[in-house]
Amino acid sequence: MILPARVTKVIHHAACRADHYFVRFGDSHGDLEQELALHFLRHSHQHNAQLASAATFAARVCRNRIISMRAREVDRPANVNAALAVEQVFKKIAAMMIIDPLRASFAPDAQELFNAWRAELEHRIRRATLPPALEAHLSKYRKLMPAIALILHLAESGKVPEVPLIQAQRAAGWCEFLESHARRVYSGVTSLPNRLAAELGEKLKQGVLGDRFRLRDVYLRGWAGLDTPEAVRMALTVLEDAGWVRRIDPRSGPQGGRPREEFALNPAVRRG
C-alpha cells in the first residue's frame, strides 16, 4: 500500500515523539494512542481521519518497539526447515503457468460455511451501527476471506481445484483475528469526535460560552483538544446531531468577508 506523503510524514513524526508520550503515559497504550492522534489533528492543516489513524498506528508500532527494547535479547539459530518449507511454497506458486490459470471454487461444505459467514458479515455492516471508517474496512472482508482461503489452499494443495472446508475455517478465523486489531486501530479515530464533544459539552453546561457563541470563541480559548477550528467543528457536529446546539444562518461581518460560524445553545442543556 502506498501512503500519501502527508500521511507518511505523520507516521515519521509520531515515531519521533513516541518515546516522549510513552514516558508520560507509561504502559497505558490507549492514552498514548489517543494523545498522539489528538496531537497530529491539532497540528495538521486539515482534519483528516487518515492522519489520526496513521498517528495511532505509528504509536502502537513505536510502543511495541520501546517495550521490546526493555526485553532481554535472545539469540537463537534460524529454523532452517521452516525456511525451506516456505521457499518451496513460493516456488510451487511461482511455477504455475499464467496461460493455464487455476480456476478454483469452494467445496460444497466450504461454500456453505462461506455463505453463513458472509450473511453474518453483511448483517453487521448493513445495520448501520458501526463507525463509518470501520464499516468501510470490514466491507473489504467480502473478498479478503475467500482470498486468504485460496492462498492457504495453494500453499498446501497446489492445483487441486476445490478449496476444502479446513481452509475456509482457517480464513474465517484469520479474518476474526484481523478484525480485532482493526477495531483497536480505528478506535483512536472513531472515539475522538465523541470525546471532544463531551469536553465541549461540559463547558456549555457550565455556561462558559453563554447561550450564543461563534466557532472562534471556542478554539481561541486554547482548551485541550479544542484549540483548532477543525477539532471544534468535529465536536459541534456531534453536539448538533444530539440537539445540544443549533447552527445559526451564517452572516458576514460589518466589513464583509468570510461568514461567521455561529451557534445557539439549547436552553434545556443549562437547565440540566
C-alpha atoms as a PDB file:
ATOM      1  CA  MET A   1       0.000   0.000   0.000  1.00  0.00           C
ATOM      2  CA  ILE A   2       1.358   3.453  -0.965  1.00  0.00           C
ATOM      3  CA  LEU A   3       0.534   6.136   1.589  1.00  0.00           C
ATOM      4  CA  PRO A   4       0.211   9.823   0.670  1.00  0.00           C
ATOM      5  CA  ALA A   5       3.335  11.823   1.525  1.00  0.00           C
ATOM      6  CA  ARG A   6       1.388  13.770   4.187  1.00  0.00           C
ATOM      7  CA  VAL A   7       0.419  10.560   5.989  1.00  0.00           C
ATOM      8  CA  THR A   8       3.961   9.192   5.747  1.00  0.00           C
ATOM      9  CA  LYS A   9       5.212  12.420   7.334  1.00  0.00           C
ATOM     10  CA  VAL A  10       2.729  11.992  10.186  1.00  0.00           C
ATOM     11  CA  ILE A  11       3.974   8.468  10.846  1.00  0.00           C
ATOM     12  CA  HIS A  12       7.573   9.720  10.869  1.00  0.00           C
ATOM     13  CA  HIS A  13       6.790  12.483  13.363  1.00  0.00           C
ATOM     14  CA  ALA A  14       4.768  10.079  15.515  1.00  0.00           C
ATOM     15  CA  ALA A  15       7.774   7.784  15.665  1.00  0.00           C
ATOM     16  CA  CYS A  16       9.977  10.691  16.777  1.00  0.00           C
ATOM     17  CA  ARG A  17       7.551  11.668  19.553  1.00  0.00           C
ATOM     18  CA  ALA A  18       6.613   8.173  20.727  1.00  0.00           C
ATOM     19  CA  ASP A  19       9.317   7.993  23.410  1.00  0.00           C
ATOM     20  CA  HIS A  20       8.107  11.257  24.955  1.00  0.00           C
ATOM     21  CA  TYR A  21       4.487  10.139  25.106  1.00  0.00           C
ATOM     22  CA  PHE A  22       5.386   6.657  26.303  1.00  0.00           C
ATOM     23  CA  VAL A  23       7.350   8.111  29.217  1.00  0.00           C
ATOM     24  CA  ARG A  24       4.423  10.380  30.006  1.00  0.00           C
ATOM     25  CA  PHE A  25       1.720   7.727  29.922  1.00  0.00           C
ATOM     26  CA  GLY A  26       3.721   4.606  30.842  1.00  0.00           C
ATOM     27  CA  ASP A  27       2.085   1.368  29.731  1.00  0.00           C
ATOM     28  CA  SER A  28      -1.336   2.934  29.193  1.00  0.00           C
ATOM     29  CA  HIS A  29      -1.180   2.467  25.433  1.00  0.00           C
ATOM     30  CA  GLY A  30      -4.764   3.597  24.900  1.00  0.00           C
ATOM     31  CA  ASP A  31      -3.881   7.041  26.304  1.00  0.00           C
ATOM     32  CA  LEU A  32      -0.693   7.051  24.248  1.00  0.00           C
ATOM     33  CA  GLU A  33      -2.573   6.436  21.014  1.00  0.00           C
ATOM     34  CA  GLN A  34      -5.348   8.947  21.806  1.00  0.00           C
ATOM     35  CA  GLU A  35      -2.799  11.648  22.723  1.00  0.00           C
ATOM     36  CA  LEU A  36      -0.813  11.139  19.528  1.00  0.00           C
ATOM     37  CA  ALA A  37      -3.963  11.242  17.404  1.00  0.00           C
ATOM     38  CA  LEU A  38      -5.024  14.472  19.110  1.00  0.00           C
ATOM     39  CA  HIS A  39      -1.550  15.975  18.715  1.00  0.00           C
ATOM     40  CA  PHE A  40      -1.452  15.468  14.977  1.00  0.00           C
ATOM     41  CA  LEU A  41      -5.031  16.611  14.480  1.00  0.00           C
ATOM     42  CA  ARG A  42      -4.148  19.858  16.273  1.00  0.00           C
ATOM     43  CA  HIS A  43      -1.064  20.473  14.152  1.00  0.00           C
ATOM     44  CA  SER A  44      -2.331  19.336  10.764  1.00  0.00           C
ATOM     45  CA  HIS A  45      -3.583  21.987   8.388  1.00  0.00           C
ATOM     46  CA  GLN A  46      -6.655  19.950   7.556  1.00  0.00           C
ATOM     47  CA  HIS A  47      -8.566  17.491   9.756  1.00  0.00           C
ATOM     48  CA  ASN A  48      -8.293  14.076   8.208  1.00  0.00           C
ATOM     49  CA  ALA A  49      -9.228  10.770   9.835  1.00  0.00           C
ATOM     50  CA  GLN A  50      -6.440   9.093   7.848  1.00  0.00           C
ATOM     51  CA  LEU A  51      -3.902  11.317   9.606  1.00  0.00           C
ATOM     52  CA  ALA A  52      -5.185  10.377  13.032  1.00  0.00           C
ATOM     53  CA  SER A  53      -5.281   6.710  12.042  1.00  0.00           C
ATOM     54  CA  ALA A  54      -1.696   6.927  10.802  1.00  0.00           C
ATOM     55  CA  ALA A  55      -0.546   8.550  14.044  1.00  0.00           C
ATOM     56  CA  THR A  56      -2.373   5.914  16.081  1.00  0.00           C
ATOM     57  CA  PHE A  57      -0.790   3.143  14.031  1.00  0.00           C
ATOM     58  CA  ALA A  58       2.663   4.682  14.478  1.00  0.00           C
ATOM     59  CA  ALA A  59       2.084   4.998  18.223  1.00  0.00           C
ATOM     60  CA  ARG A  60       1.271   1.309  18.509  1.00  0.00           C
ATOM     61  CA  VAL A  61       4.293   0.280  16.452  1.00  0.00           C
ATOM     62  CA  CYS A  62       6.624   2.555  18.403  1.00  0.00           C
ATOM     63  CA  ARG A  63       5.202   1.423  21.725  1.00  0.00           C
ATOM     64  CA  ASN A  64       5.940  -2.178  20.799  1.00  0.00           C
ATOM     65  CA  ARG A  65       9.450  -1.116  19.813  1.00  0.00           C
ATOM     66  CA  ILE A  66      10.019   0.608  23.159  1.00  0.00           C
ATOM     67  CA  ILE A  67       8.751  -2.383  25.124  1.00  0.00           C
ATOM     68  CA  SER A  68      10.881  -4.765  23.077  1.00  0.00           C
ATOM     69  CA  MET A  69      13.953  -2.623  23.868  1.00  0.00           C
ATOM     70  CA  ARG A  70      13.358  -3.316  27.548  1.00  0.00           C
ATOM     71  CA  ALA A  71      13.130  -7.064  26.984  1.00  0.00           C
ATOM     72  CA  ARG A  72      16.122  -9.383  27.221  1.00  0.00           C
ATOM     73  CA  GLU A  73      17.759 -10.168  23.882  1.00  0.00           C
ATOM     74  CA  VAL A  74      17.518 -13.823  22.823  1.00  0.00           C
ATOM     75  CA  ASP A  75      19.841 -15.053  20.090  1.00  0.00           C
ATOM     76  CA  ARG A  76      18.856 -18.390  18.587  1.00  0.00           C
ATOM     77  CA  PRO A  77      19.584 -20.039  15.229  1.00  0.00           C
ATOM     78  CA  ALA A  78      17.098 -19.743  12.400  1.00  0.00           C
ATOM     79  CA  ASN A  79      14.633 -22.590  11.790  1.00  0.00           C
ATOM     80  CA  VAL A  80      16.178 -23.956   8.590  1.00  0.00           C
ATOM     81  CA  ASN A  81      13.409 -26.493   7.951  1.00  0.00           C
ATOM     82  CA  ALA A  82      10.703 -23.828   8.196  1.00  0.00           C
ATOM     83  CA  ALA A  83      12.627 -21.538   5.855  1.00  0.00           C
ATOM     84  CA  LEU A  84      12.995 -24.329   3.269  1.00  0.00           C
ATOM     85  CA  ALA A  85       9.271 -25.167   3.520  1.00  0.00           C
ATOM     86  CA  VAL A  86       8.319 -21.532   2.877  1.00  0.00           C
ATOM     87  CA  GLU A  87      10.727 -21.380  -0.076  1.00  0.00           C
ATOM     88  CA  GLN A  88       9.115 -24.454  -1.611  1.00  0.00           C
ATOM     89  CA  VAL A  89       5.663 -22.884  -1.308  1.00  0.00           C
ATOM     90  CA  PHE A  90       6.810 -19.782  -3.173  1.00  0.00           C
ATOM     91  CA  LYS A  91       8.496 -21.849  -5.878  1.00  0.00           C
ATOM     92  CA  LYS A  92       5.397 -24.004  -6.328  1.00  0.00           C
ATOM     93  CA  ILE A  93       3.097 -20.995  -6.740  1.00  0.00           C
ATOM     94  CA  ALA A  94       5.569 -19.154  -8.988  1.00  0.00           C
ATOM     95  CA  ALA A  95       5.753 -22.205 -11.269  1.00  0.00           C
ATOM     96  CA  MET A  96       2.036 -22.043 -12.077  1.00  0.00           C
ATOM     97  CA  MET A  97       1.520 -21.077 -15.706  1.00  0.00           C
ATOM     98  CA  ILE A  98      -0.306 -17.809 -16.412  1.00  0.00           C
ATOM     99  CA  ILE A  99      -1.587 -19.233 -19.687  1.00  0.00           C
ATOM    100  CA  ASP A 100      -3.277 -22.066 -17.788  1.00  0.00           C
ATOM    101  CA  PRO A 101      -4.548 -20.439 -14.569  1.00  0.00           C
ATOM    102  CA  LEU A 102      -6.142 -22.402 -11.765  1.00  0.00           C
ATOM    103  CA  ARG A 103      -9.910 -21.996 -11.619  1.00  0.00           C
ATOM    104  CA  ALA A 104     -10.783 -22.903  -8.064  1.00  0.00           C
ATOM    105  CA  SER A 105     -14.023 -22.848  -6.085  1.00  0.00           C
ATOM    106  CA  PHE A 106     -15.113 -23.781  -2.600  1.00  0.00           C
ATOM    107  CA  ALA A 107     -16.022 -27.390  -1.882  1.00  0.00           C
ATOM    108  CA  PRO A 108     -19.749 -27.755  -1.031  1.00  0.00           C
ATOM    109  CA  ASP A 109     -19.231 -27.734   2.746  1.00  0.00           C
ATOM    110  CA  ALA A 110     -16.752 -24.856   2.478  1.00  0.00           C
ATOM    111  CA  GLN A 111     -19.246 -22.911   0.336  1.00  0.00           C
ATOM    112  CA  GLU A 112     -21.907 -23.458   2.988  1.00  0.00           C
ATOM    113  CA  LEU A 113     -19.594 -22.061   5.649  1.00  0.00           C
ATOM    114  CA  PHE A 114     -18.730 -19.071   3.475  1.00  0.00           C
ATOM    115  CA  ASN A 115     -22.410 -18.315   2.815  1.00  0.00           C
ATOM    116  CA  ALA A 116     -23.160 -18.281   6.547  1.00  0.00           C
ATOM    117  CA  TRP A 117     -20.048 -16.215   7.283  1.00  0.00           C
ATOM    118  CA  ARG A 118     -20.916 -13.703   4.546  1.00  0.00           C
ATOM    119  CA  ALA A 119     -24.521 -13.375   5.745  1.00  0.00           C
ATOM    120  CA  GLU A 120     -23.340 -12.559   9.265  1.00  0.00           C
ATOM    121  CA  LEU A 121     -20.831 -10.032   7.923  1.00  0.00           C
ATOM    122  CA  GLU A 122     -23.466  -8.302   5.781  1.00  0.00           C
ATOM    123  CA  HIS A 123     -25.834  -8.101   8.750  1.00  0.00           C
ATOM    124  CA  ARG A 124     -23.199  -6.311  10.845  1.00  0.00           C
ATOM    125  CA  ILE A 125     -22.245  -3.936   8.025  1.00  0.00           C
ATOM    126  CA  ARG A 126     -25.779  -3.037   6.926  1.00  0.00           C
ATOM    127  CA  ARG A 127     -27.419  -2.407  10.303  1.00  0.00           C
ATOM    128  CA  ALA A 128     -25.571   0.953  10.445  1.00  0.00           C
ATOM    129  CA  THR A 129     -24.262   0.638  13.995  1.00  0.00           C
ATOM    130  CA  LEU A 130     -20.551   0.628  13.125  1.00  0.00           C
ATOM    131  CA  PRO A 131     -18.419   3.765  12.760  1.00  0.00           C
ATOM    132  CA  PRO A 132     -18.146   4.645   9.036  1.00  0.00           C
ATOM    133  CA  ALA A 133     -14.385   4.029   8.921  1.00  0.00           C
ATOM    134  CA  LEU A 134     -14.698   0.550  10.440  1.00  0.00           C
ATOM    135  CA  GLU A 135     -17.722  -0.234   8.259  1.00  0.00           C
ATOM    136  CA  ALA A 136     -15.717   0.584   5.122  1.00  0.00           C
ATOM    137  CA  HIS A 137     -12.836  -1.534   6.394  1.00  0.00           C
ATOM    138  CA  LEU A 138     -14.986  -4.589   7.121  1.00  0.00           C
ATOM    139  CA  SER A 139     -16.727  -4.343   3.751  1.00  0.00           C
ATOM    140  CA  LYS A 140     -13.417  -5.381   2.175  1.00  0.00           C
ATOM    141  CA  TYR A 141     -13.578  -8.700   4.054  1.00  0.00           C
ATOM    142  CA  ARG A 142     -16.072  -9.965   1.463  1.00  0.00           C
ATOM    143  CA  LYS A 143     -13.071 -10.524  -0.792  1.00  0.00           C
ATOM    144  CA  LEU A 144     -10.448 -10.976   1.906  1.00  0.00           C
ATOM    145  CA  MET A 145     -11.847 -14.171   3.388  1.00  0.00           C
ATOM    146  CA  PRO A 146     -12.007 -16.228   0.138  1.00  0.00           C
ATOM    147  CA  ALA A 147      -8.667 -14.746  -0.963  1.00  0.00           C
ATOM    148  CA  ILE A 148      -6.992 -15.982   2.231  1.00  0.00           C
ATOM    149  CA  ALA A 149      -8.656 -19.373   1.851  1.00  0.00           C
ATOM    150  CA  LEU A 150      -7.317 -19.675  -1.714  1.00  0.00           C
ATOM    151  CA  ILE A 151      -3.782 -18.660  -0.690  1.00  0.00           C
ATOM    152  CA  LEU A 152      -3.779 -21.252   2.094  1.00  0.00           C
ATOM    153  CA  HIS A 153      -5.112 -23.840  -0.337  1.00  0.00           C
ATOM    154  CA  LEU A 154      -2.405 -23.103  -2.897  1.00  0.00           C
ATOM    155  CA  ALA A 155       0.268 -23.287  -0.228  1.00  0.00           C
ATOM    156  CA  GLU A 156      -0.803 -26.773   0.816  1.00  0.00           C
ATOM    157  CA  SER A 157      -2.504 -28.431  -2.147  1.00  0.00           C
ATOM    158  CA  GLY A 158      -1.098 -26.960  -5.324  1.00  0.00           C
ATOM    159  CA  LYS A 159      -3.539 -27.050  -8.229  1.00  0.00           C
ATOM    160  CA  VAL A 160      -6.421 -29.029  -6.722  1.00  0.00           C
ATOM    161  CA  PRO A 161      -9.497 -27.124  -7.996  1.00  0.00           C
ATOM    162  CA  GLU A 162     -11.620 -27.318  -4.809  1.00  0.00           C
ATOM    163  CA  VAL A 163     -10.828 -25.249  -1.721  1.00  0.00           C
ATOM    164  CA  PRO A 164     -11.644 -27.532   1.241  1.00  0.00           C
ATOM    165  CA  LEU A 165     -13.576 -26.716   4.397  1.00  0.00           C
ATOM    166  CA  ILE A 166     -10.469 -26.573   6.589  1.00  0.00           C
ATOM    167  CA  GLN A 167      -9.047 -23.654   4.592  1.00  0.00           C
ATOM    168  CA  ALA A 168     -12.346 -21.771   4.728  1.00  0.00           C
ATOM    169  CA  GLN A 169     -12.384 -22.249   8.505  1.00  0.00           C
ATOM    170  CA  ARG A 170      -8.809 -21.014   8.798  1.00  0.00           C
ATOM    171  CA  ALA A 171      -9.558 -17.972   6.627  1.00  0.00           C
ATOM    172  CA  ALA A 172     -12.627 -17.087   8.714  1.00  0.00           C
ATOM    173  CA  GLY A 173     -10.536 -17.366  11.884  1.00  0.00           C
ATOM    174  CA  TRP A 174      -7.833 -15.183  10.372  1.00  0.00           C
ATOM    175  CA  CYS A 175     -10.418 -12.520   9.456  1.00  0.00           C
ATOM    176  CA  GLU A 176     -11.718 -12.572  13.018  1.00  0.00           C
ATOM    177  CA  PHE A 177      -8.166 -12.044  14.267  1.00  0.00           C
ATOM    178  CA  LEU A 178      -7.584  -9.159  11.850  1.00  0.00           C
ATOM    179  CA  GLU A 179     -10.889  -7.527  12.811  1.00  0.00           C
ATOM    180  CA  SER A 180      -9.905  -7.464  16.477  1.00  0.00           C
ATOM    181  CA  HIS A 181      -6.798  -5.468  15.569  1.00  0.00           C
ATOM    182  CA  ALA A 182      -8.727  -3.224  13.174  1.00  0.00           C
ATOM    183  CA  ARG A 183     -11.157  -2.296  15.949  1.00  0.00           C
ATOM    184  CA  ARG A 184      -8.258  -1.265  18.165  1.00  0.00           C
ATOM    185  CA  VAL A 185      -6.647   0.821  15.406  1.00  0.00           C
ATOM    186  CA  TYR A 186      -9.885   2.575  14.398  1.00  0.00           C
ATOM    187  CA  SER A 187     -10.979   3.189  17.983  1.00  0.00           C
ATOM    188  CA  GLY A 188      -8.413   6.000  18.261  1.00  0.00           C
ATOM    189  CA  VAL A 189     -10.178   7.815  15.405  1.00  0.00           C
ATOM    190  CA  THR A 190     -13.820   6.831  15.828  1.00  0.00           C
ATOM    191  CA  SER A 191     -13.965   7.734  19.522  1.00  0.00           C
ATOM    192  CA  LEU A 192     -12.238  11.098  19.080  1.00  0.00           C
ATOM    193  CA  PRO A 193     -15.317  13.141  17.983  1.00  0.00           C
ATOM    194  CA  ASN A 194     -17.352  11.851  20.931  1.00  0.00           C
ATOM    195  CA  ARG A 195     -14.524  12.612  23.325  1.00  0.00           C
ATOM    196  CA  LEU A 196     -14.182  16.184  22.064  1.00  0.00           C
ATOM    197  CA  ALA A 197     -17.961  16.647  22.094  1.00  0.00           C
ATOM    198  CA  ALA A 198     -18.086  15.516  25.725  1.00  0.00           C
ATOM    199  CA  GLU A 199     -15.389  18.023  26.701  1.00  0.00           C
ATOM    200  CA  LEU A 200     -17.122  20.892  24.897  1.00  0.00           C
ATOM    201  CA  GLY A 201     -20.478  19.803  26.282  1.00  0.00           C
ATOM    202  CA  GLU A 202     -19.178  20.229  29.828  1.00  0.00           C
ATOM    203  CA  LYS A 203     -18.091  23.791  29.016  1.00  0.00           C
ATOM    204  CA  LEU A 204     -21.534  24.562  27.569  1.00  0.00           C
ATOM    205  CA  LYS A 205     -23.308  23.183  30.639  1.00  0.00           C
ATOM    206  CA  GLN A 206     -21.166  25.425  32.835  1.00  0.00           C
ATOM    207  CA  GLY A 207     -22.245  28.452  30.802  1.00  0.00           C
ATOM    208  CA  VAL A 208     -18.692  29.435  29.870  1.00  0.00           C
ATOM    209  CA  LEU A 209     -19.691  30.343  26.304  1.00  0.00           C
ATOM    210  CA  GLY A 210     -23.138  31.755  27.026  1.00  0.00           C
ATOM    211  CA  ASP A 211     -26.269  30.977  25.046  1.00  0.00           C
ATOM    212  CA  ARG A 212     -24.821  32.075  21.722  1.00  0.00           C
ATOM    213  CA  PHE A 213     -21.237  31.767  20.560  1.00  0.00           C
ATOM    214  CA  ARG A 214     -19.018  31.672  17.487  1.00  0.00           C
ATOM    215  CA  LEU A 215     -16.609  28.963  16.421  1.00  0.00           C
ATOM    216  CA  ARG A 216     -13.613  31.197  17.142  1.00  0.00           C
ATOM    217  CA  ASP A 217     -14.915  31.805  20.689  1.00  0.00           C
ATOM    218  CA  VAL A 218     -14.144  28.152  21.396  1.00  0.00           C
ATOM    219  CA  TYR A 219     -10.777  27.468  19.796  1.00  0.00           C
ATOM    220  CA  LEU A 220      -9.234  30.799  20.846  1.00  0.00           C
ATOM    221  CA  ARG A 221      -9.623  29.755  24.486  1.00  0.00           C
ATOM    222  CA  GLY A 222      -6.984  27.075  23.897  1.00  0.00           C
ATOM    223  CA  TRP A 223      -8.786  24.251  25.667  1.00  0.00           C
ATOM    224  CA  ALA A 224      -7.004  20.899  25.328  1.00  0.00           C
ATOM    225  CA  GLY A 225      -8.094  19.166  22.135  1.00  0.00           C
ATOM    226  CA  LEU A 226     -10.367  22.082  21.180  1.00  0.00           C
ATOM    227  CA  ASP A 227      -7.699  24.555  20.109  1.00  0.00           C
ATOM    228  CA  THR A 228      -8.170  24.315  16.324  1.00  0.00           C
ATOM    229  CA  PRO A 229     -11.188  25.134  14.121  1.00  0.00           C
ATOM    230  CA  GLU A 230     -11.202  21.584  12.762  1.00  0.00           C
ATOM    231  CA  ALA A 231     -11.409  19.941  16.197  1.00  0.00           C
ATOM    232  CA  VAL A 232     -14.164  22.342  17.327  1.00  0.00           C
ATOM    233  CA  ARG A 233     -16.193  21.688  14.175  1.00  0.00           C
ATOM    234  CA  MET A 234     -15.883  17.960  14.831  1.00  0.00           C
ATOM    235  CA  ALA A 235     -17.207  18.362  18.385  1.00  0.00           C
ATOM    236  CA  LEU A 236     -20.022  20.697  17.321  1.00  0.00           C
ATOM    237  CA  THR A 237     -21.161  18.282  14.627  1.00  0.00           C
ATOM    238  CA  VAL A 238     -21.736  15.640  17.289  1.00  0.00           C
ATOM    239  CA  LEU A 239     -23.479  18.112  19.624  1.00  0.00           C
ATOM    240  CA  GLU A 240     -25.654  19.417  16.788  1.00  0.00           C
ATOM    241  CA  ASP A 241     -26.777  15.891  15.916  1.00  0.00           C
ATOM    242  CA  ALA A 242     -27.593  15.347  19.610  1.00  0.00           C
ATOM    243  CA  GLY A 243     -29.704  18.531  19.771  1.00  0.00           C
ATOM    244  CA  TRP A 244     -27.399  20.410  22.153  1.00  0.00           C
ATOM    245  CA  VAL A 245     -26.644  23.265  19.754  1.00  0.00           C
ATOM    246  CA  ARG A 246     -28.190  24.796  16.647  1.00  0.00           C
ATOM    247  CA  ARG A 247     -26.260  26.331  13.795  1.00  0.00           C
ATOM    248  CA  ILE A 248     -27.304  29.910  13.060  1.00  0.00           C
ATOM    249  CA  ASP A 249     -27.525  31.002   9.427  1.00  0.00           C
ATOM    250  CA  PRO A 250     -24.074  32.385   8.580  1.00  0.00           C
ATOM    251  CA  ARG A 251     -23.725  36.138   8.209  1.00  0.00           C
ATOM    252  CA  SER A 252     -20.834  38.241   7.006  1.00  0.00           C
ATOM    253  CA  GLY A 253     -19.271  40.781   9.333  1.00  0.00           C
ATOM    254  CA  PRO A 254     -19.849  44.564   9.021  1.00  0.00           C
ATOM    255  CA  GLN A 255     -16.944  44.841   6.598  1.00  0.00           C
ATOM    256  CA  GLY A 256     -17.988  41.788   4.560  1.00  0.00           C
ATOM    257  CA  GLY A 257     -15.580  38.886   4.290  1.00  0.00           C
ATOM    258  CA  ARG A 258     -15.972  35.308   5.477  1.00  0.00           C
ATOM    259  CA  PRO A 259     -19.367  34.499   7.091  1.00  0.00           C
ATOM    260  CA  ARG A 260     -19.305  33.861  10.822  1.00  0.00           C
ATOM    261  CA  GLU A 261     -19.832  30.333  12.097  1.00  0.00           C
ATOM    262  CA  GLU A 262     -22.249  30.902  14.949  1.00  0.00           C
ATOM    263  CA  PHE A 263     -24.223  28.557  17.200  1.00  0.00           C
ATOM    264  CA  ALA A 264     -27.059  28.803  19.707  1.00  0.00           C
ATOM    265  CA  LEU A 265     -27.223  26.624  22.789  1.00  0.00           C
ATOM    266  CA  ASN A 266     -30.342  24.574  23.521  1.00  0.00           C
ATOM    267  CA  PRO A 267     -31.754  26.111  26.761  1.00  0.00           C
ATOM    268  CA  ALA A 268     -32.513  22.646  28.077  1.00  0.00           C
ATOM    269  CA  VAL A 269     -28.768  21.962  28.356  1.00  0.00           C
ATOM    270  CA  ARG A 270     -28.277  24.689  31.003  1.00  0.00           C
ATOM    271  CA  ARG A 271     -31.372  23.549  32.894  1.00  0.00           C
ATOM    272  CA  GLY A 272     -29.830  20.088  33.248  1.00  0.00           C
END
